[in-house]
Amino acid sequence: MSKGLSLWFAASSIIILAVAAIAISHSGWIALILSVLGVFNIGYGFVIKSKRRKSSIEQPN
């Protein structure tokens, strides 16, 4: 995975989870939804990373 894409997933996950932490004081449901969204964002980053690694291994040099 490129450094830019890694930075995007890391930064977006931090922002989503930070907003979820702030949302705890306003609404528990919004905080829960944002937390789940943040975890899915992190997981999706790992999925992209493994797909790119797998495709680079399968391609002959």
C-alpha atoms as a PDB file:
ATOM      1  CA  MET A   1       0.000   0.000   0.000  1.00  0.00           C
ATOM      2  CA  SER A   2       1.320   3.426  -0.837  1.00  0.00           C
ATOM      3  CA  LYS A   3       2.240   5.852   1.913  1.00  0.00           C
ATOM      4  CA  GLY A   4      -0.466   8.277   0.862  1.00  0.00           C
ATOM      5  CA  LEU A   5      -3.191   5.648   1.040  1.00  0.00           C
ATOM      6  CA  SER A   6      -1.909   4.442   4.416  1.00  0.00           C
ATOM      7  CA  LEU A   7      -1.926   8.005   5.685  1.00  0.00           C
ATOM      8  CA  TRP A   8      -5.485   8.471   4.412  1.00  0.00           C
ATOM      9  CA  PHE A   9      -6.805   5.416   6.266  1.00  0.00           C
ATOM     10  CA  ALA A  10      -4.917   6.314   9.456  1.00  0.00           C
ATOM     11  CA  ALA A  11      -6.025   9.948   9.460  1.00  0.00           C
ATOM     12  CA  SER A  12      -9.633   9.209   8.560  1.00  0.00           C
ATOM     13  CA  SER A  13      -9.856   6.558  11.278  1.00  0.00           C
ATOM     14  CA  ILE A  14      -8.434   8.926  13.884  1.00  0.00           C
ATOM     15  CA  ILE A  15     -10.866  11.662  12.862  1.00  0.00           C
ATOM     16  CA  ILE A  16     -13.877   9.332  12.930  1.00  0.00           C
ATOM     17  CA  LEU A  17     -12.948   7.932  16.349  1.00  0.00           C
ATOM     18  CA  ALA A  18     -12.220  11.409  17.730  1.00  0.00           C
ATOM     19  CA  VAL A  19     -15.637  12.621  16.600  1.00  0.00           C
ATOM     20  CA  ALA A  20     -17.140   9.510  18.200  1.00  0.00           C
ATOM     21  CA  ALA A  21     -15.430  10.397  21.475  1.00  0.00           C
ATOM     22  CA  ILE A  22     -16.855  13.912  21.317  1.00  0.00           C
ATOM     23  CA  ALA A  23     -20.298  12.556  20.397  1.00  0.00           C
ATOM     24  CA  ILE A  24     -20.454  10.481  23.594  1.00  0.00           C
ATOM     25  CA  SER A  25     -21.595  13.528  25.534  1.00  0.00           C
ATOM     26  CA  HIS A  26     -24.338  14.321  23.003  1.00  0.00           C
ATOM     27  CA  SER A  27     -25.799  11.007  21.926  1.00  0.00           C
ATOM     28  CA  GLY A  28     -24.812   7.455  22.679  1.00  0.00           C
ATOM     29  CA  TRP A  29     -26.291   6.164  19.431  1.00  0.00           C
ATOM     30  CA  ILE A  30     -24.304   8.550  17.265  1.00  0.00           C
ATOM     31  CA  ALA A  31     -21.149   7.642  19.178  1.00  0.00           C
ATOM     32  CA  LEU A  32     -21.851   3.939  18.681  1.00  0.00           C
ATOM     33  CA  ILE A  33     -22.463   4.365  14.954  1.00  0.00           C
ATOM     34  CA  LEU A  34     -19.290   6.414  14.521  1.00  0.00           C
ATOM     35  CA  SER A  35     -17.271   3.882  16.509  1.00  0.00           C
ATOM     36  CA  VAL A  36     -18.483   1.036  14.323  1.00  0.00           C
ATOM     37  CA  LEU A  37     -17.762   3.126  11.234  1.00  0.00           C
ATOM     38  CA  GLY A  38     -14.227   3.787  12.503  1.00  0.00           C
ATOM     39  CA  VAL A  39     -13.577   0.097  13.111  1.00  0.00           C
ATOM     40  CA  PHE A  40     -14.906  -0.765   9.640  1.00  0.00           C
ATOM     41  CA  ASN A  41     -12.659   1.918   8.151  1.00  0.00           C
ATOM     42  CA  ILE A  42      -9.627   0.381   9.850  1.00  0.00           C
ATOM     43  CA  GLY A  43     -10.653  -3.095   8.675  1.00  0.00           C
ATOM     44  CA  TYR A  44     -11.202  -1.887   5.124  1.00  0.00           C
ATOM     45  CA  GLY A  45      -7.678  -0.455   5.154  1.00  0.00           C
ATOM     46  CA  PHE A  46      -6.320  -3.892   6.040  1.00  0.00           C
ATOM     47  CA  VAL A  47      -8.417  -5.492   3.279  1.00  0.00           C
ATOM     48  CA  ILE A  48      -7.023  -3.056   0.690  1.00  0.00           C
ATOM     49  CA  LYS A  49      -3.499  -3.694   1.954  1.00  0.00           C
ATOM     50  CA  SER A  50      -3.822  -7.472   1.667  1.00  0.00           C
ATOM     51  CA  LYS A  51      -5.408  -7.298  -1.803  1.00  0.00           C
ATOM     52  CA  ARG A  52      -2.626  -5.069  -3.091  1.00  0.00           C
ATOM     53  CA  ARG A  53       0.030  -7.293  -1.547  1.00  0.00           C
ATOM     54  CA  LYS A  54      -1.585 -10.407  -3.035  1.00  0.00           C
ATOM     55  CA  SER A  55      -1.838  -8.869  -6.508  1.00  0.00           C
ATOM     56  CA  SER A  56       1.791  -7.738  -6.402  1.00  0.00           C
ATOM     57  CA  ILE A  57       2.938 -11.258  -5.445  1.00  0.00           C
ATOM     58  CA  GLU A  58       0.926 -12.918  -8.234  1.00  0.00           C
ATOM     59  CA  GLN A  59       2.247 -10.626 -10.983  1.00  0.00           C
ATOM     60  CA  PRO A  60       5.485 -11.856 -12.585  1.00  0.00           C
ATOM     61  CA  ASN A  61       8.377  -9.399 -12.576  1.00  0.00           C
END
